[in-house]
Amino acid sequence: MSQVAERYESVRRRVRDAADAAGRNADDILIVAVAKTVGPPEVRAAIAAGVTDFGENRVQEFVAKHGLFPEARWHFIGTLQSNKVQHVVGKACLIHSVDSLKLLERIDRVARALGVVQPVLFEVNVSGEGSKHGVDRIEAEEMLRASLEMPGVEVRGLMTMAPFARPESVRWVFRDLHDVFESLAAMRFNGVELTELSMGMTNDFGVAIEEGATIVRIGRAIFGR
């Protein structure tokens, strides 16, 4: 068994433990292996170990790895500039980082031109950190309303990044995102079904799962430093 396989199995055990602690089914939680710092050999090893979903945060790397490993599901998880949307739409199974109405509109236009519907998540800046991208609760609602007139996008949920700190000290970030998610889902906009909460990384994914994460983005714990 490769080191990547051993680490991936360890992450799966930790996901199961966190899900059990929260009274949840571990099968409802998707592990996205963040491949932003690794090359093709590590991705190949992860696929051999059973990883199905990978995340990239740079467009050039996303396109290259998507081309090398089309059998995998590729998520775009980084900041996406409007002028690079055309390289990601139709290739990403999910764009996690839609952080403005302008970007959402651009994704919709490109998707319609390609004849596809692009699944997306809204990035919400729960912590209020200036260094973090994302919209606030009110902007998320406005974007969700606007998406009703955008046939090229399918809004599936929300994403956030917590400050790097002790897991217990950032629990409130995940709890607050879950609250935003619940309030938006309760509005029951026609044709919109919010199902995904992308939150939690190597440092804090256990707490994120306890607070309702359906997708965790794990890099270091799978691929090493």
Protein backbone atom coordinates (compact mmCIF):
# COMPACT_ATOMS: atom_id res chain seq x y z
CA MET A 1 0.00 0.00 0.00
CA SER A 2 1.35 3.44 -0.97
CA GLN A 3 1.78 6.25 1.55
CA VAL A 4 -1.01 8.13 -0.19
CA ALA A 5 -3.28 5.11 0.20
CA GLU A 6 -2.40 4.79 3.90
CA ARG A 7 -3.08 8.47 4.54
CA TYR A 8 -6.34 8.36 2.58
CA GLU A 9 -7.54 5.39 4.62
CA SER A 10 -6.66 7.29 7.80
CA VAL A 11 -8.71 10.27 6.61
CA ARG A 12 -11.63 7.99 5.84
CA ARG A 13 -11.48 6.58 9.36
CA ARG A 14 -11.43 10.07 10.84
CA VAL A 15 -14.42 11.06 8.70
CA ARG A 16 -16.31 7.99 9.93
CA ASP A 17 -15.43 8.80 13.54
CA ALA A 18 -16.59 12.42 13.21
CA ALA A 19 -19.79 11.33 11.48
CA ASP A 20 -20.50 8.76 14.19
CA ALA A 21 -19.93 11.40 16.88
CA ALA A 22 -22.49 13.63 15.17
CA GLY A 23 -24.99 10.84 14.53
CA ARG A 24 -24.49 11.14 10.79
CA ASN A 25 -23.86 8.67 7.98
CA ALA A 26 -20.26 8.89 6.75
CA ASP A 27 -21.48 7.97 3.25
CA ASP A 28 -23.13 11.40 3.10
CA ILE A 29 -19.77 13.15 3.34
CA LEU A 30 -17.61 13.56 0.22
CA ILE A 31 -13.82 13.73 0.55
CA VAL A 32 -12.27 16.01 -2.06
CA ALA A 33 -8.52 15.42 -2.29
CA VAL A 34 -6.86 18.81 -2.79
CA ALA A 35 -4.13 18.27 -5.37
CA LYS A 36 -2.84 21.84 -5.65
CA THR A 37 0.65 21.02 -4.39
CA VAL A 38 1.20 17.63 -6.01
CA GLY A 39 2.00 16.20 -9.40
CA PRO A 40 0.58 13.42 -11.58
CA PRO A 41 2.26 10.52 -9.70
CA GLU A 42 0.52 11.46 -6.45
CA VAL A 43 -2.82 11.93 -8.20
CA ARG A 44 -2.38 8.53 -9.86
CA ALA A 45 -1.63 6.95 -6.48
CA ALA A 46 -4.72 8.56 -4.98
CA ILE A 47 -6.93 7.25 -7.78
CA ALA A 48 -5.47 3.78 -7.23
CA ALA A 49 -6.34 4.15 -3.53
CA GLY A 50 -9.97 4.86 -4.36
CA VAL A 51 -10.13 8.66 -4.44
CA THR A 52 -12.79 9.79 -6.93
CA ASP A 53 -12.89 13.55 -6.39
CA PHE A 54 -10.04 16.05 -6.58
CA GLY A 55 -9.80 19.79 -6.03
CA GLU A 56 -7.58 22.37 -7.71
CA ASN A 57 -7.36 26.07 -6.99
CA ARG A 58 -5.41 27.32 -10.01
CA VAL A 59 -6.92 27.34 -13.47
CA GLN A 60 -3.79 26.24 -15.34
CA GLU A 61 -3.24 23.28 -13.01
CA PHE A 62 -6.94 22.44 -13.06
CA VAL A 63 -7.01 22.24 -16.86
CA ALA A 64 -3.79 20.20 -17.02
CA LYS A 65 -4.84 17.64 -14.41
CA HIS A 66 -8.37 17.40 -15.78
CA GLY A 67 -6.81 16.52 -19.13
CA LEU A 68 -4.46 13.95 -17.63
CA PHE A 69 -7.08 12.28 -15.42
CA PRO A 70 -10.50 12.64 -17.10
CA GLU A 71 -11.76 9.60 -15.18
CA ALA A 72 -11.69 11.61 -11.95
CA ARG A 73 -14.19 14.25 -10.88
CA TRP A 74 -12.47 17.64 -10.70
CA HIS A 75 -13.66 20.43 -8.42
CA PHE A 76 -12.49 24.02 -8.80
CA ILE A 77 -11.95 25.36 -5.29
CA GLY A 78 -9.80 28.49 -5.71
CA THR A 79 -10.46 32.11 -6.54
CA LEU A 80 -11.83 32.23 -10.09
CA GLN A 81 -11.27 35.33 -12.20
CA SER A 82 -13.99 36.26 -14.68
CA ASN A 83 -11.57 36.17 -17.60
CA LYS A 84 -10.71 32.52 -16.89
CA VAL A 85 -14.22 31.17 -16.42
CA GLN A 86 -14.30 29.65 -19.91
CA HIS A 87 -11.44 27.30 -18.98
CA VAL A 88 -13.33 25.82 -16.01
CA VAL A 89 -17.02 25.75 -16.94
CA GLY A 90 -18.06 22.39 -18.33
CA LYS A 91 -14.96 20.69 -16.93
CA ALA A 92 -15.54 21.21 -13.20
CA CYS A 93 -18.10 18.92 -11.63
CA LEU A 94 -18.52 21.70 -9.06
CA ILE A 95 -17.17 25.25 -8.71
CA HIS A 96 -16.92 25.92 -4.97
CA SER A 97 -15.81 29.54 -5.01
CA VAL A 98 -18.45 31.80 -6.57
CA ASP A 99 -17.86 34.98 -4.60
CA SER A 100 -19.80 37.67 -6.49
CA LEU A 101 -22.88 38.22 -8.60
CA LYS A 102 -20.65 39.34 -11.47
CA LEU A 103 -18.82 36.00 -11.44
CA LEU A 104 -22.10 34.06 -11.27
CA GLU A 105 -23.41 35.97 -14.29
CA ARG A 106 -20.22 35.24 -16.22
CA ILE A 107 -20.43 31.51 -15.42
CA ASP A 108 -24.05 31.51 -16.59
CA ARG A 109 -23.19 33.17 -19.90
CA VAL A 110 -20.31 30.79 -20.63
CA ALA A 111 -22.34 27.73 -19.62
CA ARG A 112 -25.25 28.70 -21.86
CA ALA A 113 -22.87 29.28 -24.78
CA LEU A 114 -21.46 25.77 -24.22
CA GLY A 115 -24.91 24.22 -23.79
CA VAL A 116 -24.20 23.00 -20.25
CA VAL A 117 -25.50 23.64 -16.75
CA GLN A 118 -22.66 24.35 -14.32
CA PRO A 119 -23.10 23.30 -10.66
CA VAL A 120 -21.77 25.93 -8.24
CA LEU A 121 -21.45 26.82 -4.58
CA PHE A 122 -21.48 30.33 -3.15
CA GLU A 123 -18.40 31.19 -1.10
CA VAL A 124 -19.52 32.89 2.12
CA ASN A 125 -17.08 34.88 4.24
CA VAL A 126 -18.50 33.92 7.62
CA SER A 127 -15.43 34.95 9.64
CA GLY A 128 -15.33 38.46 8.21
CA GLU A 129 -11.57 38.23 7.63
CA GLY A 130 -10.40 40.75 5.07
CA SER A 131 -8.03 38.18 3.57
CA LYS A 132 -10.90 35.81 2.81
CA HIS A 133 -13.04 35.99 -0.33
CA GLY A 134 -16.78 35.56 -0.22
CA VAL A 135 -20.16 37.19 0.18
CA ASP A 136 -22.15 37.89 3.33
CA ARG A 137 -25.52 36.41 4.25
CA ILE A 138 -27.55 39.15 2.51
CA GLU A 139 -25.48 38.98 -0.68
CA ALA A 140 -25.85 35.19 -0.76
CA GLU A 141 -29.64 35.56 -0.69
CA GLU A 142 -29.52 38.18 -3.46
CA MET A 143 -27.34 35.92 -5.60
CA LEU A 144 -29.64 32.98 -5.02
CA ARG A 145 -32.64 35.04 -6.16
CA ALA A 146 -30.69 36.21 -9.22
CA SER A 147 -29.75 32.63 -10.11
CA LEU A 148 -33.42 31.86 -10.75
CA GLU A 149 -33.01 33.77 -14.03
CA MET A 150 -29.77 31.98 -14.96
CA PRO A 151 -30.42 28.67 -16.74
CA GLY A 152 -26.69 27.99 -17.09
CA VAL A 153 -26.02 27.56 -13.38
CA GLU A 154 -27.26 25.19 -10.70
CA VAL A 155 -26.67 26.46 -7.16
CA ARG A 156 -26.12 23.47 -4.89
CA GLY A 157 -25.04 25.08 -1.64
CA LEU A 158 -22.37 27.06 0.17
CA MET A 159 -18.65 26.99 0.89
CA THR A 160 -16.44 28.72 3.44
CA MET A 161 -12.88 28.77 4.71
CA ALA A 162 -12.27 29.09 8.42
CA PRO A 163 -9.26 30.91 9.89
CA PHE A 164 -6.30 28.62 10.53
CA ALA A 165 -6.59 27.99 14.26
CA ARG A 166 -7.42 25.31 16.80
CA PRO A 167 -10.43 23.39 15.43
CA GLU A 168 -12.64 24.06 18.43
CA SER A 169 -12.00 27.80 18.17
CA VAL A 170 -13.42 27.93 14.62
CA ARG A 171 -16.46 25.74 15.25
CA TRP A 172 -18.62 28.88 15.24
CA VAL A 173 -17.65 29.56 11.60
CA PHE A 174 -19.02 26.21 10.47
CA ARG A 175 -22.08 26.57 12.68
CA ASP A 176 -22.82 30.03 11.27
CA LEU A 177 -22.46 28.78 7.67
CA HIS A 178 -24.87 25.96 8.47
CA ASP A 179 -27.32 28.56 9.81
CA VAL A 180 -27.04 30.59 6.57
CA PHE A 181 -27.54 27.38 4.59
CA GLU A 182 -30.65 26.46 6.58
CA SER A 183 -32.18 29.92 6.23
CA LEU A 184 -31.64 29.97 2.45
CA ALA A 185 -32.91 26.42 2.03
CA ALA A 186 -36.04 27.31 4.00
CA MET A 187 -36.93 29.99 1.45
CA ARG A 188 -37.64 27.19 -1.04
CA PHE A 189 -37.01 29.15 -4.20
CA ASN A 190 -38.62 27.38 -7.14
CA GLY A 191 -36.17 24.98 -8.78
CA VAL A 192 -33.41 25.49 -6.19
CA GLU A 193 -32.44 22.63 -3.91
CA LEU A 194 -29.51 23.36 -1.63
CA THR A 195 -27.79 20.14 -0.58
CA GLU A 196 -24.06 20.85 -0.18
CA LEU A 197 -21.94 22.46 2.53
CA SER A 198 -18.27 22.53 1.56
CA MET A 199 -16.32 23.31 4.72
CA GLY A 200 -13.43 21.85 6.63
CA MET A 201 -9.85 21.09 5.63
CA THR A 202 -7.01 18.99 7.07
CA ASN A 203 -6.78 21.08 10.22
CA ASP A 204 -10.47 21.18 11.14
CA PHE A 205 -12.58 18.79 9.07
CA GLY A 206 -13.73 16.76 12.08
CA VAL A 207 -15.40 19.79 13.64
CA ALA A 208 -16.81 20.80 10.24
CA ILE A 209 -18.44 17.38 9.88
CA GLU A 210 -19.95 17.69 13.35
CA GLU A 211 -21.46 21.01 12.23
CA GLY A 212 -22.96 19.65 9.01
CA ALA A 213 -20.31 19.56 6.26
CA THR A 214 -21.23 17.40 3.29
CA ILE A 215 -17.91 18.05 1.48
CA VAL A 216 -14.48 18.28 3.10
CA ARG A 217 -11.43 19.49 1.19
CA ILE A 218 -8.36 17.54 2.31
CA GLY A 219 -4.85 18.08 0.96
CA ARG A 220 -2.03 17.66 3.47
CA ALA A 221 -3.59 14.74 5.34
CA ILE A 222 -3.76 12.75 2.09
CA PHE A 223 -0.71 13.89 0.15
CA GLY A 224 1.63 14.86 2.98
CA ARG A 225 3.47 18.12 3.33
